[in-house]
Amino acid sequence: MTPKFTILEDFPAINNLKQAYKENFTADNFYIEHFMPEPKQIIFEGKHKRLIKLSDEERLQNAKESLLTDNSGYFDEFVHDTKLRSDVTEVIRALFTEFYKH
């Protein structure tokens, strides 16, 4: 028997989670804010140091990448935050339902 859902986008629950992710993976999110670097950074190059200024876009990109690679618990909390929790649960329910069928 061929699985009903062959790609992730076929899961309605995935689309809901993707939308919730887009709404919450922003500079206004507590977890993103936690990893937001300061706009001015001191870079050390050997014996020399220089000051660089990061744009808002660079700071946001850095914060997002830092959250995605975090292993200290912030990513876990982000995923299980009340704003995403029900969508995460429904994705897992859909996956487990497929596992049960096969």
PDB file of N, CA and C in Angstrom:
ATOM      1  N   MET A   1       0.846  -1.176   0.000  1.00  0.00           N
ATOM      2  CA  MET A   1       0.000   0.000   0.000  1.00  0.00           C
ATOM      3  C   MET A   1       0.898   1.248   0.000  1.00  0.00           C
ATOM      4  N   THR A   2       0.590   2.206  -0.882  1.00  0.00           N
ATOM      5  CA  THR A   2       1.356   3.447  -0.975  1.00  0.00           C
ATOM      6  C   THR A   2       0.930   4.414   0.119  1.00  0.00           C
ATOM      7  N   PRO A   3       1.920   5.041   0.800  1.00  0.00           N
ATOM      8  CA  PRO A   3       1.544   6.013   1.842  1.00  0.00           C
ATOM      9  C   PRO A   3       0.724   7.153   1.263  1.00  0.00           C
ATOM     10  N   LYS A   4      -0.263   7.595   2.012  1.00  0.00           N
ATOM     11  CA  LYS A   4      -1.138   8.685   1.582  1.00  0.00           C
ATOM     12  C   LYS A   4      -0.349   9.985   1.433  1.00  0.00           C
ATOM     13  N   PHE A   5       0.571  10.242   2.360  1.00  0.00           N
ATOM     14  CA  PHE A   5       1.364  11.457   2.337  1.00  0.00           C
ATOM     15  C   PHE A   5       2.790  11.110   1.920  1.00  0.00           C
ATOM     16  N   THR A   6       3.189  11.563   0.759  1.00  0.00           N
ATOM     17  CA  THR A   6       4.523  11.232   0.280  1.00  0.00           C
ATOM     18  C   THR A   6       5.522  12.364   0.475  1.00  0.00           C
ATOM     19  N   ILE A   7       5.056  13.599   0.607  1.00  0.00           N
ATOM     20  CA  ILE A   7       5.945  14.714   0.886  1.00  0.00           C
ATOM     21  C   ILE A   7       5.354  15.530   2.022  1.00  0.00           C
ATOM     22  N   LEU A   8       6.208  16.268   2.707  1.00  0.00           N
ATOM     23  CA  LEU A   8       5.760  17.004   3.886  1.00  0.00           C
ATOM     24  C   LEU A   8       4.616  17.960   3.608  1.00  0.00           C
ATOM     25  N   GLU A   9       4.632  18.631   2.466  1.00  0.00           N
ATOM     26  CA  GLU A   9       3.583  19.601   2.165  1.00  0.00           C
ATOM     27  C   GLU A   9       2.216  18.964   2.004  1.00  0.00           C
ATOM     28  N   ASP A  10       2.177  17.636   1.870  1.00  0.00           N
ATOM     29  CA  ASP A  10       0.899  16.937   1.783  1.00  0.00           C
ATOM     30  C   ASP A  10       0.209  16.825   3.137  1.00  0.00           C
ATOM     31  N   PHE A  11       0.947  17.060   4.209  1.00  0.00           N
ATOM     32  CA  PHE A  11       0.366  17.027   5.542  1.00  0.00           C
ATOM     33  C   PHE A  11      -0.251  18.390   5.834  1.00  0.00           C
ATOM     34  N   PRO A  12      -1.554  18.484   5.984  1.00  0.00           N
ATOM     35  CA  PRO A  12      -2.156  19.772   6.355  1.00  0.00           C
ATOM     36  C   PRO A  12      -1.540  20.335   7.642  1.00  0.00           C
ATOM     37  N   ALA A  13      -1.201  19.460   8.567  1.00  0.00           N
ATOM     38  CA  ALA A  13      -0.601  19.914   9.825  1.00  0.00           C
ATOM     39  C   ALA A  13       0.746  20.588   9.597  1.00  0.00           C
ATOM     40  N   ILE A  14       1.484  20.147   8.596  1.00  0.00           N
ATOM     41  CA  ILE A  14       2.782  20.778   8.273  1.00  0.00           C
ATOM     42  C   ILE A  14       2.551  22.203   7.801  1.00  0.00           C
ATOM     43  N   ASN A  15       1.559  22.400   6.967  1.00  0.00           N
ATOM     44  CA  ASN A  15       1.280  23.755   6.474  1.00  0.00           C
ATOM     45  C   ASN A  15       0.895  24.689   7.617  1.00  0.00           C
ATOM     46  N   ASN A  16       0.132  24.202   8.577  1.00  0.00           N
ATOM     47  CA  ASN A  16      -0.231  25.011   9.746  1.00  0.00           C
ATOM     48  C   ASN A  16       1.004  25.345  10.579  1.00  0.00           C
ATOM     49  N   LEU A  17       1.882  24.363  10.767  1.00  0.00           N
ATOM     50  CA  LEU A  17       3.111  24.599  11.524  1.00  0.00           C
ATOM     51  C   LEU A  17       4.023  25.577  10.792  1.00  0.00           C
ATOM     52  N   LYS A  18       4.106  25.444   9.486  1.00  0.00           N
ATOM     53  CA  LYS A  18       4.936  26.360   8.695  1.00  0.00           C
ATOM     54  C   LYS A  18       4.427  27.795   8.838  1.00  0.00           C
ATOM     55  N   GLN A  19       3.133  27.975   8.828  1.00  0.00           N
ATOM     56  CA  GLN A  19       2.557  29.310   9.001  1.00  0.00           C
ATOM     57  C   GLN A  19       2.857  29.850  10.399  1.00  0.00           C
ATOM     58  N   ALA A  20       2.710  29.003  11.410  1.00  0.00           N
ATOM     59  CA  ALA A  20       3.003  29.423  12.783  1.00  0.00           C
ATOM     60  C   ALA A  20       4.481  29.773  12.931  1.00  0.00           C
ATOM     61  N   TYR A  21       5.337  29.000  12.287  1.00  0.00           N
ATOM     62  CA  TYR A  21       6.779  29.293  12.288  1.00  0.00           C
ATOM     63  C   TYR A  21       7.036  30.672  11.692  1.00  0.00           C
ATOM     64  N   LYS A  22       6.454  30.947  10.540  1.00  0.00           N
ATOM     65  CA  LYS A  22       6.657  32.247   9.885  1.00  0.00           C
ATOM     66  C   LYS A  22       6.186  33.400  10.769  1.00  0.00           C
ATOM     67  N   GLU A  23       5.099  33.196  11.465  1.00  0.00           N
ATOM     68  CA  GLU A  23       4.553  34.244  12.323  1.00  0.00           C
ATOM     69  C   GLU A  23       5.399  34.462  13.573  1.00  0.00           C
ATOM     70  N   ASN A  24       6.139  33.441  13.999  1.00  0.00           N
ATOM     71  CA  ASN A  24       6.875  33.518  15.252  1.00  0.00           C
ATOM     72  C   ASN A  24       8.387  33.612  15.101  1.00  0.00           C
ATOM     73  N   PHE A  25       8.926  33.353  13.940  1.00  0.00           N
ATOM     74  CA  PHE A  25      10.370  33.378  13.716  1.00  0.00           C
ATOM     75  C   PHE A  25      10.775  34.778  13.267  1.00  0.00           C
ATOM     76  N   THR A  26      10.497  35.754  14.131  1.00  0.00           N
ATOM     77  CA  THR A  26      10.708  37.168  13.813  1.00  0.00           C
ATOM     78  C   THR A  26      11.516  37.838  14.911  1.00  0.00           C
ATOM     79  N   ALA A  27      11.943  39.063  14.632  1.00  0.00           N
ATOM     80  CA  ALA A  27      12.736  39.828  15.597  1.00  0.00           C
ATOM     81  C   ALA A  27      11.956  40.107  16.870  1.00  0.00           C
ATOM     82  N   ASP A  28      10.636  40.047  16.819  1.00  0.00           N
ATOM     83  CA  ASP A  28       9.807  40.321  17.994  1.00  0.00           C
ATOM     84  C   ASP A  28       9.678  39.122  18.932  1.00  0.00           C
ATOM     85  N   ASN A  29      10.169  37.968  18.520  1.00  0.00           N
ATOM     86  CA  ASN A  29      10.048  36.760  19.329  1.00  0.00           C
ATOM     87  C   ASN A  29      11.102  36.753  20.427  1.00  0.00           C
ATOM     88  N   PHE A  30      10.700  36.387  21.635  1.00  0.00           N
ATOM     89  CA  PHE A  30      11.606  36.344  22.782  1.00  0.00           C
ATOM     90  C   PHE A  30      12.863  35.536  22.490  1.00  0.00           C
ATOM     91  N   TYR A  31      12.717  34.380  21.852  1.00  0.00           N
ATOM     92  CA  TYR A  31      13.845  33.486  21.622  1.00  0.00           C
ATOM     93  C   TYR A  31      14.798  34.053  20.571  1.00  0.00           C
ATOM     94  N   ILE A  32      14.266  34.713  19.569  1.00  0.00           N
ATOM     95  CA  ILE A  32      15.115  35.390  18.582  1.00  0.00           C
ATOM     96  C   ILE A  32      15.824  36.558  19.256  1.00  0.00           C
ATOM     97  N   GLU A  33      15.087  37.330  20.034  1.00  0.00           N
ATOM     98  CA  GLU A  33      15.679  38.477  20.731  1.00  0.00           C
ATOM     99  C   GLU A  33      16.843  38.050  21.616  1.00  0.00           C
ATOM    100  N   HIS A  34      16.719  36.886  22.249  1.00  0.00           N
ATOM    101  CA  HIS A  34      17.780  36.398  23.128  1.00  0.00           C
ATOM    102  C   HIS A  34      19.115  36.292  22.388  1.00  0.00           C
ATOM    103  N   PHE A  35      19.079  35.879  21.132  1.00  0.00           N
ATOM    104  CA  PHE A  35      20.307  35.656  20.365  1.00  0.00           C
ATOM    105  C   PHE A  35      20.705  36.862  19.499  1.00  0.00           C
ATOM    106  N   MET A  36      19.937  37.937  19.568  1.00  0.00           N
ATOM    107  CA  MET A  36      20.218  39.113  18.743  1.00  0.00           C
ATOM    108  C   MET A  36      21.522  39.765  19.206  1.00  0.00           C
ATOM    109  N   PRO A  37      22.521  39.842  18.316  1.00  0.00           N
ATOM    110  CA  PRO A  37      23.778  40.482  18.703  1.00  0.00           C
ATOM    111  C   PRO A  37      23.638  42.001  18.751  1.00  0.00           C
ATOM    112  N   GLU A  38      24.567  42.620  19.429  1.00  0.00           N
ATOM    113  CA  GLU A  38      24.610  44.078  19.486  1.00  0.00           C
ATOM    114  C   GLU A  38      24.916  44.610  18.084  1.00  0.00           C
ATOM    115  N   PRO A  39      24.459  45.816  17.776  1.00  0.00           N
ATOM    116  CA  PRO A  39      24.699  46.363  16.435  1.00  0.00           C
ATOM    117  C   PRO A  39      26.177  46.639  16.152  1.00  0.00           C
ATOM    118  N   LYS A  40      26.932  46.918  17.187  1.00  0.00           N
ATOM    119  CA  LYS A  40      28.367  47.180  16.999  1.00  0.00           C
ATOM    120  C   LYS A  40      29.139  46.022  17.617  1.00  0.00           C
ATOM    121  N   GLN A  41      30.074  45.489  16.845  1.00  0.00           N
ATOM    122  CA  GLN A  41      30.869  44.348  17.277  1.00  0.00           C
ATOM    123  C   GLN A  41      32.351  44.673  17.172  1.00  0.00           C
ATOM    124  N   ILE A  42      33.115  44.204  18.120  1.00  0.00           N
ATOM    125  CA  ILE A  42      34.570  44.328  18.040  1.00  0.00           C
ATOM    126  C   ILE A  42      35.103  42.999  17.513  1.00  0.00           C
ATOM    127  N   ILE A  43      35.845  43.082  16.429  1.00  0.00           N
ATOM    128  CA  ILE A  43      36.426  41.900  15.801  1.00  0.00           C
ATOM    129  C   ILE A  43      37.932  41.928  16.052  1.00  0.00           C
ATOM    130  N   PHE A  44      38.458  40.832  16.564  1.00  0.00           N
ATOM    131  CA  PHE A  44      39.886  40.730  16.812  1.00  0.00           C
ATOM    132  C   PHE A  44      40.542  39.999  15.652  1.00  0.00           C
ATOM    133  N   GLU A  45      41.561  40.617  15.083  1.00  0.00           N
ATOM    134  CA  GLU A  45      42.327  40.026  13.980  1.00  0.00           C
ATOM    135  C   GLU A  45      43.793  40.051  14.392  1.00  0.00           C
ATOM    136  N   GLY A  46      44.229  38.962  14.975  1.00  0.00           N
ATOM    137  CA  GLY A  46      45.593  38.922  15.488  1.00  0.00           C
ATOM    138  C   GLY A  46      45.730  39.876  16.655  1.00  0.00           C
ATOM    139  N   LYS A  47      46.680  40.813  16.541  1.00  0.00           N
ATOM    140  CA  LYS A  47      46.913  41.795  17.596  1.00  0.00           C
ATOM    141  C   LYS A  47      46.022  43.017  17.432  1.00  0.00           C
ATOM    142  N   HIS A  48      45.307  43.073  16.344  1.00  0.00           N
ATOM    143  CA  HIS A  48      44.495  44.248  16.051  1.00  0.00           C
ATOM    144  C   HIS A  48      43.017  43.962  16.296  1.00  0.00           C
ATOM    145  N   LYS A  49      42.310  45.009  16.578  1.00  0.00           N
ATOM    146  CA  LYS A  49      40.862  44.889  16.707  1.00  0.00           C
ATOM    147  C   LYS A  49      40.228  46.014  15.916  1.00  0.00           C
ATOM    148  N   ARG A  50      39.037  45.712  15.415  1.00  0.00           N
ATOM    149  CA  ARG A  50      38.314  46.742  14.673  1.00  0.00           C
ATOM    150  C   ARG A  50      36.836  46.663  15.025  1.00  0.00           C
ATOM    151  N   LEU A  51      36.191  47.769  14.860  1.00  0.00           N
ATOM    152  CA  LEU A  51      34.770  47.883  15.175  1.00  0.00           C
ATOM    153  C   LEU A  51      33.977  47.756  13.879  1.00  0.00           C
ATOM    154  N   ILE A  52      32.995  46.881  13.880  1.00  0.00           N
ATOM    155  CA  ILE A  52      32.111  46.764  12.718  1.00  0.00           C
ATOM    156  C   ILE A  52      30.685  47.022  13.175  1.00  0.00           C
ATOM    157  N   LYS A  53      29.863  47.468  12.262  1.00  0.00           N
ATOM    158  CA  LYS A  53      28.454  47.722  12.547  1.00  0.00           C
ATOM    159  C   LYS A  53      27.631  46.740  11.738  1.00  0.00           C
ATOM    160  N   LEU A  54      26.780  46.002  12.428  1.00  0.00           N
ATOM    161  CA  LEU A  54      25.896  45.046  11.768  1.00  0.00           C
ATOM    162  C   LEU A  54      24.568  45.714  11.447  1.00  0.00           C
ATOM    163  N   SER A  55      24.056  45.430  10.272  1.00  0.00           N
ATOM    164  CA  SER A  55      22.736  45.939   9.903  1.00  0.00           C
ATOM    165  C   SER A  55      21.673  45.166  10.688  1.00  0.00           C
ATOM    166  N   ASP A  56      20.475  45.691  10.725  1.00  0.00           N
ATOM    167  CA  ASP A  56      19.373  44.993  11.391  1.00  0.00           C
ATOM    168  C   ASP A  56      19.143  43.628  10.759  1.00  0.00           C
ATOM    169  N   GLU A  57      19.264  43.553   9.435  1.00  0.00           N
ATOM    170  CA  GLU A  57      19.071  42.285   8.730  1.00  0.00           C
ATOM    171  C   GLU A  57      20.163  41.276   9.110  1.00  0.00           C
ATOM    172  N   GLU A  58      21.405  41.730   9.209  1.00  0.00           N
ATOM    173  CA  GLU A  58      22.499  40.846   9.615  1.00  0.00           C
ATOM    174  C   GLU A  58      22.302  40.354  11.046  1.00  0.00           C
ATOM    175  N   ARG A  59      21.865  41.236  11.911  1.00  0.00           N
ATOM    176  CA  ARG A  59      21.620  40.865  13.301  1.00  0.00           C
ATOM    177  C   ARG A  59      20.502  39.829  13.399  1.00  0.00           C
ATOM    178  N   LEU A  60      19.426  40.032  12.622  1.00  0.00           N
ATOM    179  CA  LEU A  60      18.305  39.098  12.634  1.00  0.00           C
ATOM    180  C   LEU A  60      18.732  37.739  12.084  1.00  0.00           C
ATOM    181  N   GLN A  61      19.484  37.743  11.000  1.00  0.00           N
ATOM    182  CA  GLN A  61      19.961  36.488  10.415  1.00  0.00           C
ATOM    183  C   GLN A  61      20.852  35.746  11.417  1.00  0.00           C
ATOM    184  N   ASN A  62      21.741  36.459  12.076  1.00  0.00           N
ATOM    185  CA  ASN A  62      22.619  35.860  13.075  1.00  0.00           C
ATOM    186  C   ASN A  62      21.810  35.249  14.206  1.00  0.00           C
ATOM    187  N   ALA A  63      20.801  35.977  14.679  1.00  0.00           N
ATOM    188  CA  ALA A  63      19.971  35.490  15.780  1.00  0.00           C
ATOM    189  C   ALA A  63      19.201  34.229  15.378  1.00  0.00           C
ATOM    190  N   LYS A  64      18.646  34.221  14.177  1.00  0.00           N
ATOM    191  CA  LYS A  64      17.897  33.045  13.706  1.00  0.00           C
ATOM    192  C   LYS A  64      18.803  31.826  13.601  1.00  0.00           C
ATOM    193  N   GLU A  65      19.986  32.030  13.014  1.00  0.00           N
ATOM    194  CA  GLU A  65      20.926  30.917  12.876  1.00  0.00           C
ATOM    195  C   GLU A  65      21.390  30.421  14.239  1.00  0.00           C
ATOM    196  N   SER A  66      21.594  31.335  15.169  1.00  0.00           N
ATOM    197  CA  SER A  66      22.011  30.942  16.517  1.00  0.00           C
ATOM    198  C   SER A  66      20.922  30.142  17.222  1.00  0.00           C
ATOM    199  N   LEU A  67      19.675  30.545  17.062  1.00  0.00           N
ATOM    200  CA  LEU A  67      18.575  29.795  17.674  1.00  0.00           C
ATOM    201  C   LEU A  67      18.480  28.403  17.069  1.00  0.00           C
ATOM    202  N   LEU A  68      18.588  28.302  15.750  1.00  0.00           N
ATOM    203  CA  LEU A  68      18.470  27.003  15.087  1.00  0.00           C
ATOM    204  C   LEU A  68      19.584  26.033  15.479  1.00  0.00           C
ATOM    205  N   THR A  69      20.738  26.548  15.863  1.00  0.00           N
ATOM    206  CA  THR A  69      21.849  25.671  16.241  1.00  0.00           C
ATOM    207  C   THR A  69      22.027  25.560  17.755  1.00  0.00           C
ATOM    208  N   ASP A  70      21.141  26.180  18.503  1.00  0.00           N
ATOM    209  CA  ASP A  70      21.248  26.193  19.956  1.00  0.00           C
ATOM    210  C   ASP A  70      21.020  24.810  20.557  1.00  0.00           C
ATOM    211  N   ASN A  71      21.838  24.474  21.540  1.00  0.00           N
ATOM    212  CA  ASN A  71      21.676  23.222  22.279  1.00  0.00           C
ATOM    213  C   ASN A  71      21.524  23.461  23.775  1.00  0.00           C
ATOM    214  N   SER A  72      21.283  24.696  24.157  1.00  0.00           N
ATOM    215  CA  SER A  72      21.188  25.022  25.586  1.00  0.00           C
ATOM    216  C   SER A  72      19.754  24.976  26.112  1.00  0.00           C
ATOM    217  N   GLY A  73      18.786  24.737  25.246  1.00  0.00           N
ATOM    218  CA  GLY A  73      17.395  24.649  25.674  1.00  0.00           C
ATOM    219  C   GLY A  73      16.491  25.708  25.071  1.00  0.00           C
ATOM    220  N   TYR A  74      17.065  26.784  24.546  1.00  0.00           N
ATOM    221  CA  TYR A  74      16.222  27.829  23.965  1.00  0.00           C
ATOM    222  C   TYR A  74      15.465  27.322  22.741  1.00  0.00           C
ATOM    223  N   PHE A  75      16.115  26.517  21.896  1.00  0.00           N
ATOM    224  CA  PHE A  75      15.404  25.998  20.723  1.00  0.00           C
ATOM    225  C   PHE A  75      14.260  25.090  21.160  1.00  0.00           C
ATOM    226  N   ASP A  76      14.521  24.223  22.125  1.00  0.00           N
ATOM    227  CA  ASP A  76      13.452  23.356  22.648  1.00  0.00           C
ATOM    228  C   ASP A  76      12.280  24.185  23.150  1.00  0.00           C
ATOM    229  N   GLU A  77      12.586  25.232  23.900  1.00  0.00           N
ATOM    230  CA  GLU A  77      11.526  26.098  24.419  1.00  0.00           C
ATOM    231  C   GLU A  77      10.785  26.801  23.283  1.00  0.00           C
ATOM    232  N   PHE A  78      11.514  27.246  22.263  1.00  0.00           N
ATOM    233  CA  PHE A  78      10.878  27.895  21.119  1.00  0.00           C
ATOM    234  C   PHE A  78       9.878  26.945  20.453  1.00  0.00           C
ATOM    235  N   VAL A  79      10.300  25.712  20.231  1.00  0.00           N
ATOM    236  CA  VAL A  79       9.445  24.724  19.563  1.00  0.00           C
ATOM    237  C   VAL A  79       8.208  24.410  20.393  1.00  0.00           C
ATOM    238  N   HIS A  80       8.377  24.361  21.705  1.00  0.00           N
ATOM    239  CA  HIS A  80       7.274  23.983  22.573  1.00  0.00           C
ATOM    240  C   HIS A  80       6.580  25.180  23.213  1.00  0.00           C
ATOM    241  N   ASP A  81       6.920  26.376  22.738  1.00  0.00           N
ATOM    242  CA  ASP A  81       6.262  27.594  23.206  1.00  0.00           C
ATOM    243  C   ASP A  81       4.770  27.474  22.942  1.00  0.00           C
ATOM    244  N   THR A  82       3.964  28.114  23.762  1.00  0.00           N
ATOM    245  CA  THR A  82       2.510  27.996  23.623  1.00  0.00           C
ATOM    246  C   THR A  82       2.015  28.448  22.251  1.00  0.00           C
ATOM    247  N   LYS A  83       2.746  29.322  21.563  1.00  0.00           N
ATOM    248  CA  LYS A  83       2.315  29.794  20.243  1.00  0.00           C
ATOM    249  C   LYS A  83       2.504  28.728  19.161  1.00  0.00           C
ATOM    250  N   LEU A  84       3.376  27.780  19.389  1.00  0.00           N
ATOM    251  CA  LEU A  84       3.637  26.726  18.409  1.00  0.00           C
ATOM    252  C   LEU A  84       3.183  25.349  18.876  1.00  0.00           C
ATOM    253  N   ARG A  85       2.963  25.199  20.161  1.00  0.00           N
ATOM    254  CA  ARG A  85       2.731  23.884  20.759  1.00  0.00           C
ATOM    255  C   ARG A  85       1.646  23.080  20.059  1.00  0.00           C
ATOM    256  N   SER A  86       0.491  23.661  19.845  1.00  0.00           N
ATOM    257  CA  SER A  86      -0.610  22.881  19.253  1.00  0.00           C
ATOM    258  C   SER A  86      -0.286  22.471  17.816  1.00  0.00           C
ATOM    259  N   ASP A  87       0.405  23.344  17.070  1.00  0.00           N
ATOM    260  CA  ASP A  87       0.777  22.976  15.698  1.00  0.00           C
ATOM    261  C   ASP A  87       1.831  21.875  15.681  1.00  0.00           C
ATOM    262  N   VAL A  88       2.777  21.927  16.594  1.00  0.00           N
ATOM    263  CA  VAL A  88       3.781  20.866  16.709  1.00  0.00           C
ATOM    264  C   VAL A  88       3.090  19.555  17.065  1.00  0.00           C
ATOM    265  N   THR A  89       2.164  19.599  17.997  1.00  0.00           N
ATOM    266  CA  THR A  89       1.429  18.402  18.400  1.00  0.00           C
ATOM    267  C   THR A  89       0.685  17.786  17.222  1.00  0.00           C
ATOM    268  N   GLU A  90       0.054  18.609  16.401  1.00  0.00           N
ATOM    269  CA  GLU A  90      -0.718  18.080  15.273  1.00  0.00           C
ATOM    270  C   GLU A  90       0.185  17.477  14.203  1.00  0.00           C
ATOM    271  N   VAL A  91       1.375  18.020  14.016  1.00  0.00           N
ATOM    272  CA  VAL A  91       2.326  17.413  13.080  1.00  0.00           C
ATOM    273  C   VAL A  91       2.739  16.039  13.591  1.00  0.00           C
ATOM    274  N   ILE A  92       3.059  15.949  14.855  1.00  0.00           N
ATOM    275  CA  ILE A  92       3.447  14.662  15.437  1.00  0.00           C
ATOM    276  C   ILE A  92       2.287  13.673  15.368  1.00  0.00           C
ATOM    277  N   ARG A  93       1.066  14.141  15.623  1.00  0.00           N
ATOM    278  CA  ARG A  93      -0.111  13.262  15.527  1.00  0.00           C
ATOM    279  C   ARG A  93      -0.247  12.714  14.104  1.00  0.00           C
ATOM    280  N   ALA A  94      -0.103  13.582  13.099  1.00  0.00           N
ATOM    281  CA  ALA A  94      -0.218  13.140  11.703  1.00  0.00           C
ATOM    282  C   ALA A  94       0.872  12.123  11.360  1.00  0.00           C
ATOM    283  N   LEU A  95       2.094  12.381  11.823  1.00  0.00           N
ATOM    284  CA  LEU A  95       3.182  11.431  11.567  1.00  0.00           C
ATOM    285  C   LEU A  95       2.927  10.096  12.253  1.00  0.00           C
ATOM    286  N   PHE A  96       2.532  10.138  13.512  1.00  0.00           N
ATOM    287  CA  PHE A  96       2.277   8.896  14.239  1.00  0.00           C
ATOM    288  C   PHE A  96       1.113   8.119  13.629  1.00  0.00           C
ATOM    289  N   THR A  97       0.120   8.823  13.127  1.00  0.00           N
ATOM    290  CA  THR A  97      -1.004   8.164  12.460  1.00  0.00           C
ATOM    291  C   THR A  97      -0.515   7.412  11.230  1.00  0.00           C
ATOM    292  N   GLU A  98       0.392   8.048  10.467  1.00  0.00           N
ATOM    293  CA  GLU A  98       0.968   7.372   9.295  1.00  0.00           C
ATOM    294  C   GLU A  98       1.834   6.205   9.716  1.00  0.00           C
ATOM    295  N   PHE A  99       2.616   6.367  10.776  1.00  0.00           N
ATOM    296  CA  PHE A  99       3.437   5.271  11.274  1.00  0.00           C
ATOM    297  C   PHE A  99       2.554   4.083  11.651  1.00  0.00           C
ATOM    298  N   TYR A 100       1.445   4.361  12.306  1.00  0.00           N
ATOM    299  CA  TYR A 100       0.524   3.316  12.754  1.00  0.00           C
ATOM    300  C   TYR A 100      -0.061   2.555  11.570  1.00  0.00           C
ATOM    301  N   LYS A 101      -0.331   3.284  10.484  1.00  0.00           N
ATOM    302  CA  LYS A 101      -0.941   2.654   9.302  1.00  0.00           C
ATOM    303  C   LYS A 101       0.047   1.727   8.589  1.00  0.00           C
ATOM    304  N   HIS A 102       1.333   2.002   8.754  1.00  0.00           N
ATOM    305  CA  HIS A 102       2.315   1.235   7.967  1.00  0.00           C
ATOM    306  C   HIS A 102       3.147   0.424   8.877  1.00  0.00           C
TER     307      HIS A 102
END
